[in-house]
Amino acid sequence: MKKVIPVFALAIFLLAAAPPAKKQQPASTVALGQETATPVQPSQEREGKVISPEAFYKFEMDRLSLLKEHKSKFLQLLKASNTKDDVLIQNIVDANKSIVADFIALTQKDNVTGGDYKRTMCATTGAPYCREADPEAQKADQEYTSRHPEFPQNIKAGQSELTNIEEQISNEVKRLKITADDLVRAPSNKNANAIYCQSADGKCNIRSLPNSASSVIRTDQNGAAYEFKTKIGEWYELKSGGYIHKSVVFDKNANVIFCQSPDGSCNIRSLPNSSSDIFRTDKNGQAYEFKNKVGEWYELKSGGYIHKKMVSETAP
């Protein structure tokens, strides 16, 4: 019998990237059905530095907020699925990539490394899996929390919310019977012959033959995804039938994101902040190729920036 994969192995928990909560038991790494303790070794302690209580608690609140956002989205993804299929498994893999990228961006924004977090936790708790406590760090932590009791309280409340979400995710994973083998065999968008409609006028014509004089079979909106069989000159032959010109698509290896905003439109701004000028406004489904991620913003190859909350990595 296949073992149902533990919820913590389903991408968004990534305990290796997200250190354990302060003053809690050491976290475990759960991978493909096997759980092993991961004590902080002396060499790991030396990789980071002890940070101030203010910096630690700010980072912890930001980390919990990030986890809550991703886990909530993941729960919605599972609840919306009636059955396990390749699309769902690929979305799980994509969720993994997304939280890794966002966690890296968070450490850069807060200027706190995973080593800093672990070292500070060891210094202030003196837990048995750590090398030693730091009396000065412990004193600073106690003084800070006595002045700001709301931080430990808020962290405890946040952890409780996450536990509730995790329990719901666990139930959904069991319902869908997602196994370790599913993730091992997960399809890869990078390996598939995948292309995406992205035309200047917002639509792509699928033609009967690989030339612009042939009849149009159908017209799709920006963001439509295709799998192609082969490339004939400047035309892709689609597995679903018909041909599409290379000038109106992104290829399989592009860093592609899609406009997917609650209000149906996305603002492209001149700088990576919400007070900068708006270049243009696009409709949901618009696809973009991005160069890199700057904090919570994507820098687009076509120019401008778009906030991560306005986009999805999955084609609509």
C-alpha atoms as a PDB file:
ATOM      1  CA  MET A   1       0.000   0.000   0.000  1.00  0.00           C
ATOM      2  CA  LYS A   2       1.291   3.433  -0.891  1.00  0.00           C
ATOM      3  CA  LYS A   3       1.923   5.629   2.064  1.00  0.00           C
ATOM      4  CA  VAL A   4       0.051   8.928   2.040  1.00  0.00           C
ATOM      5  CA  ILE A   5       2.603  11.687   2.076  1.00  0.00           C
ATOM      6  CA  PRO A   6       2.638  13.829   5.229  1.00  0.00           C
ATOM      7  CA  VAL A   7       1.321  17.304   4.749  1.00  0.00           C
ATOM      8  CA  PHE A   8       4.665  18.840   5.735  1.00  0.00           C
ATOM      9  CA  ALA A   9       6.289  17.310   2.693  1.00  0.00           C
ATOM     10  CA  LEU A  10       3.816  19.009   0.398  1.00  0.00           C
ATOM     11  CA  ALA A  11       5.868  21.982  -0.546  1.00  0.00           C
ATOM     12  CA  ILE A  12       4.735  24.869   1.544  1.00  0.00           C
ATOM     13  CA  PHE A  13       6.099  23.865   4.916  1.00  0.00           C
ATOM     14  CA  LEU A  14       9.776  23.581   3.959  1.00  0.00           C
ATOM     15  CA  LEU A  15      11.099  23.440   7.485  1.00  0.00           C
ATOM     16  CA  ALA A  16      14.638  23.533   6.193  1.00  0.00           C
ATOM     17  CA  ALA A  17      13.966  26.982   4.801  1.00  0.00           C
ATOM     18  CA  ALA A  18      11.634  28.097   7.565  1.00  0.00           C
ATOM     19  CA  PRO A  19      13.326  27.716  10.968  1.00  0.00           C
ATOM     20  CA  PRO A  20      11.362  26.457  13.980  1.00  0.00           C
ATOM     21  CA  ALA A  21       9.370  28.848  16.116  1.00  0.00           C
ATOM     22  CA  LYS A  22      11.102  30.341  19.091  1.00  0.00           C
ATOM     23  CA  LYS A  23      10.885  28.570  22.463  1.00  0.00           C
ATOM     24  CA  GLN A  24       9.272  25.535  20.840  1.00  0.00           C
ATOM     25  CA  GLN A  25      10.585  22.000  20.512  1.00  0.00           C
ATOM     26  CA  PRO A  26      13.065  21.568  17.616  1.00  0.00           C
ATOM     27  CA  ALA A  27      11.376  21.209  14.268  1.00  0.00           C
ATOM     28  CA  SER A  28      11.522  18.063  12.200  1.00  0.00           C
ATOM     29  CA  THR A  29      12.173  17.610   8.525  1.00  0.00           C
ATOM     30  CA  VAL A  30       9.554  15.375   6.960  1.00  0.00           C
ATOM     31  CA  ALA A  31      10.393  14.200   3.456  1.00  0.00           C
ATOM     32  CA  LEU A  32       8.479  11.629   1.478  1.00  0.00           C
ATOM     33  CA  GLY A  33       7.020   9.882   4.471  1.00  0.00           C
ATOM     34  CA  GLN A  34      10.098   9.764   6.703  1.00  0.00           C
ATOM     35  CA  GLU A  35      10.633  11.968   9.736  1.00  0.00           C
ATOM     36  CA  THR A  36      14.044  12.621  11.256  1.00  0.00           C
ATOM     37  CA  ALA A  37      15.099  15.074  13.938  1.00  0.00           C
ATOM     38  CA  THR A  38      17.250  17.979  12.772  1.00  0.00           C
ATOM     39  CA  PRO A  39      19.174  19.340  15.783  1.00  0.00           C
ATOM     40  CA  VAL A  40      21.200  22.482  15.311  1.00  0.00           C
ATOM     41  CA  GLN A  41      24.851  21.478  15.201  1.00  0.00           C
ATOM     42  CA  PRO A  42      27.667  23.676  16.602  1.00  0.00           C
ATOM     43  CA  SER A  43      28.918  24.348  13.080  1.00  0.00           C
ATOM     44  CA  GLN A  44      25.453  25.581  12.107  1.00  0.00           C
ATOM     45  CA  GLU A  45      25.379  27.894  15.107  1.00  0.00           C
ATOM     46  CA  ARG A  46      28.586  29.570  14.018  1.00  0.00           C
ATOM     47  CA  GLU A  47      27.148  30.269  10.570  1.00  0.00           C
ATOM     48  CA  GLY A  48      24.878  32.975  11.983  1.00  0.00           C
ATOM     49  CA  LYS A  49      25.016  35.774  14.505  1.00  0.00           C
ATOM     50  CA  VAL A  50      22.816  36.701  17.455  1.00  0.00           C
ATOM     51  CA  ILE A  51      20.408  39.400  16.335  1.00  0.00           C
ATOM     52  CA  SER A  52      18.505  41.878  18.489  1.00  0.00           C
ATOM     53  CA  PRO A  53      15.149  40.879  19.999  1.00  0.00           C
ATOM     54  CA  GLU A  54      13.474  43.578  17.914  1.00  0.00           C
ATOM     55  CA  ALA A  55      14.902  42.142  14.671  1.00  0.00           C
ATOM     56  CA  PHE A  56      14.108  38.582  15.739  1.00  0.00           C
ATOM     57  CA  TYR A  57      10.450  39.201  16.575  1.00  0.00           C
ATOM     58  CA  LYS A  58       9.897  41.283  13.446  1.00  0.00           C
ATOM     59  CA  PHE A  59      11.308  38.472  11.331  1.00  0.00           C
ATOM     60  CA  GLU A  60       9.251  35.859  13.182  1.00  0.00           C
ATOM     61  CA  MET A  61       6.024  37.799  12.617  1.00  0.00           C
ATOM     62  CA  ASP A  62       6.884  38.267   8.933  1.00  0.00           C
ATOM     63  CA  ARG A  63       7.730  34.565   8.637  1.00  0.00           C
ATOM     64  CA  LEU A  64       4.446  33.477  10.197  1.00  0.00           C
ATOM     65  CA  SER A  65       2.547  35.853   7.931  1.00  0.00           C
ATOM     66  CA  LEU A  66       4.307  34.406   4.885  1.00  0.00           C
ATOM     67  CA  LEU A  67       3.545  30.832   5.942  1.00  0.00           C
ATOM     68  CA  LYS A  68      -0.093  31.669   6.638  1.00  0.00           C
ATOM     69  CA  GLU A  69      -0.469  33.261   3.193  1.00  0.00           C
ATOM     70  CA  HIS A  70       1.041  30.294   1.380  1.00  0.00           C
ATOM     71  CA  LYS A  71      -0.693  27.617   3.429  1.00  0.00           C
ATOM     72  CA  SER A  72      -4.068  29.318   2.974  1.00  0.00           C
ATOM     73  CA  LYS A  73      -3.577  29.394  -0.802  1.00  0.00           C
ATOM     74  CA  PHE A  74      -2.474  25.775  -0.737  1.00  0.00           C
ATOM     75  CA  LEU A  75      -5.558  24.771   1.237  1.00  0.00           C
ATOM     76  CA  GLN A  76      -7.780  26.555  -1.292  1.00  0.00           C
ATOM     77  CA  LEU A  77      -5.985  24.727  -4.105  1.00  0.00           C
ATOM     78  CA  LEU A  78      -6.653  21.337  -2.515  1.00  0.00           C
ATOM     79  CA  LYS A  79     -10.275  22.102  -1.629  1.00  0.00           C
ATOM     80  CA  ALA A  80     -10.964  23.183  -5.218  1.00  0.00           C
ATOM     81  CA  SER A  81      -9.678  19.845  -6.534  1.00  0.00           C
ATOM     82  CA  ASN A  82     -12.143  17.010  -6.996  1.00  0.00           C
ATOM     83  CA  THR A  83      -9.514  14.489  -7.978  1.00  0.00           C
ATOM     84  CA  LYS A  84      -5.769  14.009  -8.145  1.00  0.00           C
ATOM     85  CA  ASP A  85      -4.331  14.747 -11.591  1.00  0.00           C
ATOM     86  CA  ASP A  86      -1.154  16.047 -13.223  1.00  0.00           C
ATOM     87  CA  VAL A  87      -2.346  19.646 -12.994  1.00  0.00           C
ATOM     88  CA  LEU A  88      -2.810  19.392  -9.218  1.00  0.00           C
ATOM     89  CA  ILE A  89       0.566  17.702  -8.711  1.00  0.00           C
ATOM     90  CA  GLN A  90       2.296  20.358 -10.809  1.00  0.00           C
ATOM     91  CA  ASN A  91       0.570  23.082  -8.777  1.00  0.00           C
ATOM     92  CA  ILE A  92       1.963  21.485  -5.613  1.00  0.00           C
ATOM     93  CA  VAL A  93       5.457  21.555  -7.110  1.00  0.00           C
ATOM     94  CA  ASP A  94       4.945  25.197  -8.122  1.00  0.00           C
ATOM     95  CA  ALA A  95       3.838  26.036  -4.556  1.00  0.00           C
ATOM     96  CA  ASN A  96       7.154  24.665  -3.355  1.00  0.00           C
ATOM     97  CA  LYS A  97       9.110  26.914  -5.703  1.00  0.00           C
ATOM     98  CA  SER A  98       6.995  29.911  -4.756  1.00  0.00           C
ATOM     99  CA  ILE A  99       7.572  29.730  -1.006  1.00  0.00           C
ATOM    100  CA  VAL A 100      11.299  29.153  -1.444  1.00  0.00           C
ATOM    101  CA  ALA A 101      11.540  32.309  -3.545  1.00  0.00           C
ATOM    102  CA  ASP A 102       9.402  34.317  -1.120  1.00  0.00           C
ATOM    103  CA  PHE A 103      11.342  33.112   1.914  1.00  0.00           C
ATOM    104  CA  ILE A 104      14.631  34.137   0.297  1.00  0.00           C
ATOM    105  CA  ALA A 105      13.121  37.538  -0.482  1.00  0.00           C
ATOM    106  CA  LEU A 106      11.986  37.839   3.154  1.00  0.00           C
ATOM    107  CA  THR A 107      15.443  37.133   4.549  1.00  0.00           C
ATOM    108  CA  GLN A 108      16.851  39.769   2.214  1.00  0.00           C
ATOM    109  CA  LYS A 109      14.186  42.307   3.159  1.00  0.00           C
ATOM    110  CA  ASP A 110      14.638  41.791   6.912  1.00  0.00           C
ATOM    111  CA  ASN A 111      18.399  41.242   6.584  1.00  0.00           C
ATOM    112  CA  VAL A 112      18.174  38.058   8.648  1.00  0.00           C
ATOM    113  CA  THR A 113      19.658  34.758   7.497  1.00  0.00           C
ATOM    114  CA  GLY A 114      18.506  31.299   8.514  1.00  0.00           C
ATOM    115  CA  GLY A 115      21.776  30.992  10.423  1.00  0.00           C
ATOM    116  CA  ASP A 116      21.032  34.230  12.335  1.00  0.00           C
ATOM    117  CA  TYR A 117      17.617  32.884  13.276  1.00  0.00           C
ATOM    118  CA  LYS A 118      18.945  29.546  14.525  1.00  0.00           C
ATOM    119  CA  ARG A 119      21.856  31.118  16.372  1.00  0.00           C
ATOM    120  CA  THR A 120      19.573  33.603  18.139  1.00  0.00           C
ATOM    121  CA  MET A 121      17.114  30.877  19.075  1.00  0.00           C
ATOM    122  CA  CYS A 122      19.928  28.790  20.554  1.00  0.00           C
ATOM    123  CA  ALA A 123      21.415  31.756  22.380  1.00  0.00           C
ATOM    124  CA  THR A 124      18.149  32.763  24.037  1.00  0.00           C
ATOM    125  CA  THR A 125      16.677  29.328  24.816  1.00  0.00           C
ATOM    126  CA  GLY A 126      19.746  27.220  25.580  1.00  0.00           C
ATOM    127  CA  ALA A 127      17.812  24.228  24.242  1.00  0.00           C
ATOM    128  CA  PRO A 128      19.542  20.846  24.684  1.00  0.00           C
ATOM    129  CA  TYR A 129      20.137  20.464  20.946  1.00  0.00           C
ATOM    130  CA  CYS A 130      22.124  23.718  20.927  1.00  0.00           C
ATOM    131  CA  ARG A 131      25.723  24.130  21.953  1.00  0.00           C
ATOM    132  CA  GLU A 132      25.225  26.761  24.624  1.00  0.00           C
ATOM    133  CA  ALA A 133      23.052  29.631  25.764  1.00  0.00           C
ATOM    134  CA  ASP A 134      24.104  33.272  25.823  1.00  0.00           C
ATOM    135  CA  PRO A 135      23.231  34.988  29.145  1.00  0.00           C
ATOM    136  CA  GLU A 136      23.388  38.442  27.580  1.00  0.00           C
ATOM    137  CA  ALA A 137      21.083  37.427  24.737  1.00  0.00           C
ATOM    138  CA  GLN A 138      18.695  35.805  27.210  1.00  0.00           C
ATOM    139  CA  LYS A 139      18.602  38.955  29.327  1.00  0.00           C
ATOM    140  CA  ALA A 140      17.977  41.176  26.291  1.00  0.00           C
ATOM    141  CA  ASP A 141      15.161  38.878  25.170  1.00  0.00           C
ATOM    142  CA  GLN A 142      13.502  38.885  28.602  1.00  0.00           C
ATOM    143  CA  GLU A 143      13.715  42.666  28.879  1.00  0.00           C
ATOM    144  CA  TYR A 144      12.284  43.157  25.390  1.00  0.00           C
ATOM    145  CA  THR A 145       9.359  40.781  25.889  1.00  0.00           C
ATOM    146  CA  SER A 146       8.540  42.351  29.254  1.00  0.00           C
ATOM    147  CA  ARG A 147       8.204  45.712  27.489  1.00  0.00           C
ATOM    148  CA  HIS A 148       6.414  44.213  24.485  1.00  0.00           C
ATOM    149  CA  PRO A 149       4.305  41.259  25.698  1.00  0.00           C
ATOM    150  CA  GLU A 150       2.170  41.569  22.554  1.00  0.00           C
ATOM    151  CA  PHE A 151       4.873  39.955  20.405  1.00  0.00           C
ATOM    152  CA  PRO A 152       4.936  36.542  22.138  1.00  0.00           C
ATOM    153  CA  GLN A 153       1.125  36.671  22.329  1.00  0.00           C
ATOM    154  CA  ASN A 154       0.771  37.445  18.630  1.00  0.00           C
ATOM    155  CA  ILE A 155       3.251  34.735  17.719  1.00  0.00           C
ATOM    156  CA  LYS A 156       1.349  32.175  19.789  1.00  0.00           C
ATOM    157  CA  ALA A 157      -1.913  33.198  18.110  1.00  0.00           C
ATOM    158  CA  GLY A 158      -0.289  32.978  14.667  1.00  0.00           C
ATOM    159  CA  GLN A 159       1.056  29.508  15.395  1.00  0.00           C
ATOM    160  CA  SER A 160      -2.403  28.394  16.479  1.00  0.00           C
ATOM    161  CA  GLU A 161      -3.902  29.632  13.192  1.00  0.00           C
ATOM    162  CA  LEU A 162      -1.239  27.791  11.210  1.00  0.00           C
ATOM    163  CA  THR A 163      -1.882  24.573  13.120  1.00  0.00           C
ATOM    164  CA  ASN A 164      -5.564  24.788  12.235  1.00  0.00           C
ATOM    165  CA  ILE A 165      -4.774  25.331   8.542  1.00  0.00           C
ATOM    166  CA  GLU A 166      -2.264  22.457   8.576  1.00  0.00           C
ATOM    167  CA  GLU A 167      -4.859  20.072  10.012  1.00  0.00           C
ATOM    168  CA  GLN A 168      -7.280  21.001   7.238  1.00  0.00           C
ATOM    169  CA  ILE A 169      -4.572  20.499   4.616  1.00  0.00           C
ATOM    170  CA  SER A 170      -3.754  17.094   6.079  1.00  0.00           C
ATOM    171  CA  ASN A 171      -7.397  16.053   5.714  1.00  0.00           C
ATOM    172  CA  GLU A 172      -7.474  17.246   2.091  1.00  0.00           C
ATOM    173  CA  VAL A 173      -4.275  15.364   1.284  1.00  0.00           C
ATOM    174  CA  LYS A 174      -5.822  12.173   2.626  1.00  0.00           C
ATOM    175  CA  ARG A 175      -9.041  12.821   0.705  1.00  0.00           C
ATOM    176  CA  LEU A 176      -7.147  13.236  -2.565  1.00  0.00           C
ATOM    177  CA  LYS A 177      -4.814  10.317  -1.739  1.00  0.00           C
ATOM    178  CA  ILE A 178      -1.676  12.225  -2.675  1.00  0.00           C
ATOM    179  CA  THR A 179       1.370  10.006  -2.202  1.00  0.00           C
ATOM    180  CA  ALA A 180       5.124  10.399  -2.127  1.00  0.00           C
ATOM    181  CA  ASP A 181       5.335   8.667  -5.493  1.00  0.00           C
ATOM    182  CA  ASP A 182       3.079  11.325  -7.000  1.00  0.00           C
ATOM    183  CA  LEU A 183       5.589  14.052  -6.192  1.00  0.00           C
ATOM    184  CA  VAL A 184       8.543  12.004  -7.356  1.00  0.00           C
ATOM    185  CA  ARG A 185       6.844  11.551 -10.716  1.00  0.00           C
ATOM    186  CA  ALA A 186       5.507  15.109 -10.797  1.00  0.00           C
ATOM    187  CA  PRO A 187       5.417  16.627 -14.286  1.00  0.00           C
ATOM    188  CA  SER A 188       7.701  19.565 -14.935  1.00  0.00           C
ATOM    189  CA  ASN A 189       6.639  22.683 -16.807  1.00  0.00           C
ATOM    190  CA  LYS A 190      10.279  23.244 -17.719  1.00  0.00           C
ATOM    191  CA  ASN A 191      10.562  19.843 -19.421  1.00  0.00           C
ATOM    192  CA  ALA A 192       7.195  19.903 -21.149  1.00  0.00           C
ATOM    193  CA  ASN A 193       6.859  21.441 -24.584  1.00  0.00           C
ATOM    194  CA  ALA A 194       4.853  24.275 -23.097  1.00  0.00           C
ATOM    195  CA  ILE A 195       4.205  27.691 -24.616  1.00  0.00           C
ATOM    196  CA  TYR A 196       1.872  30.516 -23.597  1.00  0.00           C
ATOM    197  CA  CYS A 197      -0.148  33.010 -25.569  1.00  0.00           C
ATOM    198  CA  GLN A 198       1.122  36.543 -25.118  1.00  0.00           C
ATOM    199  CA  SER A 199       0.255  38.929 -27.920  1.00  0.00           C
ATOM    200  CA  ALA A 200       0.431  42.711 -28.045  1.00  0.00           C
ATOM    201  CA  ASP A 201      -3.302  42.894 -28.795  1.00  0.00           C
ATOM    202  CA  GLY A 202      -4.210  40.369 -26.101  1.00  0.00           C
ATOM    203  CA  LYS A 203      -5.166  37.431 -28.310  1.00  0.00           C
ATOM    204  CA  CYS A 204      -3.598  34.654 -30.363  1.00  0.00           C
ATOM    205  CA  ASN A 205      -4.909  33.146 -33.583  1.00  0.00           C
ATOM    206  CA  ILE A 206      -4.642  29.383 -34.003  1.00  0.00           C
ATOM    207  CA  ARG A 207      -4.436  28.617 -37.722  1.00  0.00           C
ATOM    208  CA  SER A 208      -5.132  25.524 -39.814  1.00  0.00           C
ATOM    209  CA  LEU A 209      -1.703  25.618 -41.506  1.00  0.00           C
ATOM    210  CA  PRO A 210       1.709  27.114 -40.596  1.00  0.00           C
ATOM    211  CA  ASN A 211       1.206  30.345 -42.516  1.00  0.00           C
ATOM    212  CA  SER A 212      -0.635  33.601 -41.911  1.00  0.00           C
ATOM    213  CA  ALA A 213      -2.864  33.171 -44.982  1.00  0.00           C
ATOM    214  CA  SER A 214      -4.508  29.997 -43.662  1.00  0.00           C
ATOM    215  CA  SER A 215      -7.870  30.002 -41.913  1.00  0.00           C
ATOM    216  CA  VAL A 216      -8.191  30.788 -38.216  1.00  0.00           C
ATOM    217  CA  ILE A 217      -9.444  27.773 -36.249  1.00  0.00           C
ATOM    218  CA  ARG A 218      -9.942  29.756 -33.047  1.00  0.00           C
ATOM    219  CA  THR A 219      -8.714  32.787 -31.149  1.00  0.00           C
ATOM    220  CA  ASP A 220      -7.417  32.522 -27.563  1.00  0.00           C
ATOM    221  CA  GLN A 221      -6.789  35.167 -24.921  1.00  0.00           C
ATOM    222  CA  ASN A 222      -3.389  36.016 -23.455  1.00  0.00           C
ATOM    223  CA  GLY A 223      -2.323  33.475 -20.873  1.00  0.00           C
ATOM    224  CA  ALA A 224      -3.660  30.438 -22.726  1.00  0.00           C
ATOM    225  CA  ALA A 225      -1.261  27.492 -22.414  1.00  0.00           C
ATOM    226  CA  TYR A 226      -0.393  25.024 -25.156  1.00  0.00           C
ATOM    227  CA  GLU A 227       1.688  21.896 -25.556  1.00  0.00           C
ATOM    228  CA  PHE A 228       3.326  21.635 -28.962  1.00  0.00           C
ATOM    229  CA  LYS A 229       4.449  18.605 -30.955  1.00  0.00           C
ATOM    230  CA  THR A 230       7.096  20.226 -33.118  1.00  0.00           C
ATOM    231  CA  LYS A 231       8.283  23.527 -34.550  1.00  0.00           C
ATOM    232  CA  ILE A 232       8.030  24.203 -38.277  1.00  0.00           C
ATOM    233  CA  GLY A 233      10.060  27.283 -39.146  1.00  0.00           C
ATOM    234  CA  GLU A 234       8.464  30.119 -37.178  1.00  0.00           C
ATOM    235  CA  TRP A 235       5.336  28.116 -36.294  1.00  0.00           C
ATOM    236  CA  TYR A 236       4.497  25.730 -33.463  1.00  0.00           C
ATOM    237  CA  GLU A 237       2.331  22.711 -34.273  1.00  0.00           C
ATOM    238  CA  LEU A 238       0.025  22.223 -31.296  1.00  0.00           C
ATOM    239  CA  LYS A 239      -0.930  18.840 -29.857  1.00  0.00           C
ATOM    240  CA  SER A 240      -4.506  20.078 -29.602  1.00  0.00           C
ATOM    241  CA  GLY A 241      -4.487  20.882 -33.313  1.00  0.00           C
ATOM    242  CA  GLY A 242      -3.526  23.900 -35.368  1.00  0.00           C
ATOM    243  CA  TYR A 243      -0.527  26.195 -35.536  1.00  0.00           C
ATOM    244  CA  ILE A 244       0.576  29.341 -33.688  1.00  0.00           C
ATOM    245  CA  HIS A 245       3.299  31.834 -34.652  1.00  0.00           C
ATOM    246  CA  LYS A 246       6.363  32.180 -32.416  1.00  0.00           C
ATOM    247  CA  SER A 247       5.948  35.977 -32.198  1.00  0.00           C
ATOM    248  CA  VAL A 248       2.843  35.685 -30.011  1.00  0.00           C
ATOM    249  CA  VAL A 249       4.037  33.138 -27.434  1.00  0.00           C
ATOM    250  CA  PHE A 250       6.464  32.610 -24.568  1.00  0.00           C
ATOM    251  CA  ASP A 251       8.511  29.462 -24.825  1.00  0.00           C
ATOM    252  CA  LYS A 252       8.670  26.686 -22.244  1.00  0.00           C
ATOM    253  CA  ASN A 253      11.805  27.984 -20.484  1.00  0.00           C
ATOM    254  CA  ALA A 254      10.599  31.526 -19.832  1.00  0.00           C
ATOM    255  CA  ASN A 255      10.053  32.804 -16.292  1.00  0.00           C
ATOM    256  CA  VAL A 256       6.340  33.303 -16.848  1.00  0.00           C
ATOM    257  CA  ILE A 257       3.709  34.787 -14.539  1.00  0.00           C
ATOM    258  CA  PHE A 258       0.096  35.693 -15.225  1.00  0.00           C
ATOM    259  CA  CYS A 259      -2.066  38.617 -14.172  1.00  0.00           C
ATOM    260  CA  GLN A 260      -4.670  37.264 -11.764  1.00  0.00           C
ATOM    261  CA  SER A 261      -6.105  40.035  -9.617  1.00  0.00           C
ATOM    262  CA  PRO A 262      -9.333  39.975  -7.564  1.00  0.00           C
ATOM    263  CA  ASP A 263     -10.567  43.083  -9.383  1.00  0.00           C
ATOM    264  CA  GLY A 264      -9.699  41.732 -12.817  1.00  0.00           C
ATOM    265  CA  SER A 265      -6.766  44.005 -13.675  1.00  0.00           C
ATOM    266  CA  CYS A 266      -3.074  44.492 -12.859  1.00  0.00           C
ATOM    267  CA  ASN A 267      -1.106  47.736 -12.613  1.00  0.00           C
ATOM    268  CA  ILE A 268       2.411  47.772 -14.057  1.00  0.00           C
ATOM    269  CA  ARG A 269       4.478  50.355 -12.177  1.00  0.00           C
ATOM    270  CA  SER A 270       7.677  52.247 -12.920  1.00  0.00           C
ATOM    271  CA  LEU A 271       9.374  51.198  -9.661  1.00  0.00           C
ATOM    272  CA  PRO A 272       8.936  48.302  -7.186  1.00  0.00           C
ATOM    273  CA  ASN A 273       6.612  50.200  -4.849  1.00  0.00           C
ATOM    274  CA  SER A 274       2.907  51.023  -4.817  1.00  0.00           C
ATOM    275  CA  SER A 275       3.433  54.798  -4.887  1.00  0.00           C
ATOM    276  CA  SER A 276       5.335  54.854  -8.188  1.00  0.00           C
ATOM    277  CA  ASP A 277       3.763  55.776 -11.536  1.00  0.00           C
ATOM    278  CA  ILE A 278       1.532  53.301 -13.354  1.00  0.00           C
ATOM    279  CA  PHE A 279       2.873  52.391 -16.812  1.00  0.00           C
ATOM    280  CA  ARG A 280      -0.239  50.571 -17.892  1.00  0.00           C
ATOM    281  CA  THR A 281      -3.071  48.386 -16.660  1.00  0.00           C
ATOM    282  CA  ASP A 282      -3.601  44.867 -18.018  1.00  0.00           C
ATOM    283  CA  LYS A 283      -6.521  42.472 -17.753  1.00  0.00           C
ATOM    284  CA  ASN A 284      -6.496  39.116 -15.970  1.00  0.00           C
ATOM    285  CA  GLY A 285      -4.870  36.434 -18.079  1.00  0.00           C
ATOM    286  CA  GLN A 286      -2.097  38.675 -19.408  1.00  0.00           C
ATOM    287  CA  ALA A 287       1.204  36.757 -19.357  1.00  0.00           C
ATOM    288  CA  TYR A 288       4.573  38.308 -18.501  1.00  0.00           C
ATOM    289  CA  GLU A 289       8.163  37.194 -18.660  1.00  0.00           C
ATOM    290  CA  PHE A 290      10.149  38.462 -15.695  1.00  0.00           C
ATOM    291  CA  LYS A 291      13.872  39.044 -15.207  1.00  0.00           C
ATOM    292  CA  ASN A 292      14.053  38.703 -11.447  1.00  0.00           C
ATOM    293  CA  LYS A 293      12.192  39.272  -8.201  1.00  0.00           C
ATOM    294  CA  VAL A 294      12.815  42.361  -6.072  1.00  0.00           C
ATOM    295  CA  GLY A 295      11.296  41.740  -2.657  1.00  0.00           C
ATOM    296  CA  GLU A 296       7.551  41.392  -3.292  1.00  0.00           C
ATOM    297  CA  TRP A 297       7.788  42.703  -6.864  1.00  0.00           C
ATOM    298  CA  TYR A 298       8.563  41.094 -10.227  1.00  0.00           C
ATOM    299  CA  GLU A 299      10.747  43.054 -12.658  1.00  0.00           C
ATOM    300  CA  LEU A 300       9.317  42.432 -16.117  1.00  0.00           C
ATOM    301  CA  LYS A 301      11.430  41.966 -19.241  1.00  0.00           C
ATOM    302  CA  SER A 302       9.038  44.250 -21.097  1.00  0.00           C
ATOM    303  CA  GLY A 303       9.664  46.985 -18.515  1.00  0.00           C
ATOM    304  CA  GLY A 304       8.070  47.919 -15.202  1.00  0.00           C
ATOM    305  CA  TYR A 305       7.163  46.022 -12.050  1.00  0.00           C
ATOM    306  CA  ILE A 306       4.155  44.047 -10.832  1.00  0.00           C
ATOM    307  CA  HIS A 307       3.317  43.028  -7.258  1.00  0.00           C
ATOM    308  CA  LYS A 308       3.307  39.330  -6.397  1.00  0.00           C
ATOM    309  CA  LYS A 309      -0.250  39.515  -5.031  1.00  0.00           C
ATOM    310  CA  MET A 310      -1.502  40.416  -8.506  1.00  0.00           C
ATOM    311  CA  VAL A 311      -0.063  37.371 -10.274  1.00  0.00           C
ATOM    312  CA  SER A 312      -0.098  33.600 -10.451  1.00  0.00           C
ATOM    313  CA  GLU A 313       2.604  31.237 -11.686  1.00  0.00           C
ATOM    314  CA  THR A 314      -0.085  28.995 -13.151  1.00  0.00           C
ATOM    315  CA  ALA A 315      -1.765  29.756 -16.453  1.00  0.00           C
ATOM    316  CA  PRO A 316      -5.468  30.629 -16.057  1.00  0.00           C
END
